[in-house]
Amino acid sequence: MELREVTYLAVALRILAAVILGGLIGLERGMKNRPAGLRTYMLVCVGACLVMLTNQYIYQITSSGDPTRMAAQVVSGIGFLGAGTIVVTRRNQIKGLTTAAGLWSAAGVGLALGIGFYEAAAVGALAIFVVMTLLQRMDNRVHRKTKTVEVYIEVGRTLSLGELLRRLREEEFEVRDVQRESGLETGGETGTRAYIAVVKAKNRQNHMDIVEKVRELPGVVYVEEL
């Protein structure tokens, strides 16, 4: 029970565990050069652990107050840090959602360590690591096998939007949404127009095949899956 109380040994063990488990979660993000990497995850986990340790210490020496109040502030406050990692690119791509979710989860691991719930922290950190690494292949495989693809398309000035849609339908594609990207087009008669479209294939097929079919359409200059 000594490790469940706020003692010098327990403090050292919990902070060390926060560094290790936070680093484990952040390792995958760091290897992929994401905005929040190894050190960021370590700091989030250690910071949450310290908050919970302080909360438990105050409650332990005063025998009053709410032992979960400071933890609740961490859960809500970490959202601001996570929101800073989410970026919407010029082509309406959303980046950083997994990083933000990982930071929030790392804070949860830190809180569990801070209160001395070692078992949940260890299992939770392992689960987060597995989800962020091993299950990514499954997620990518499922994503690639869907019928619907969001693509960025650049077409020549001579190809109107109506003609583009007609040619897509001739290839048995259903166009669900089209958005013109005025800030990405080039001027002049020989310039290009840019669109972001949600294209659905009639049959389930690989996304690369769908993109390649769109690229082969007359008048299409450039295509990229978003």
Foldseek 3Di string as FASTA:
>chain_A
DVLLALDPVVLVVLLVVLLVLLQLLQPLVVVVVAPQHRVNSSCLLNVLLVQLLVLRVVCVVPVDDDSCPSVVCSLVVLLVVQVVRWDQDLLRDTPRPLVSVSSSLSSVLSNCSSSSVPVCSVVSSVVSSCCSPVCVVVVVVVVQQAQKFKKKWKFFLVQDPVNLCVVLVVQVKDWDDKDWSVVPWDDDNGTITMIIIIIGHPDGDGPVVVQVVSCPDPGIDDMDTD
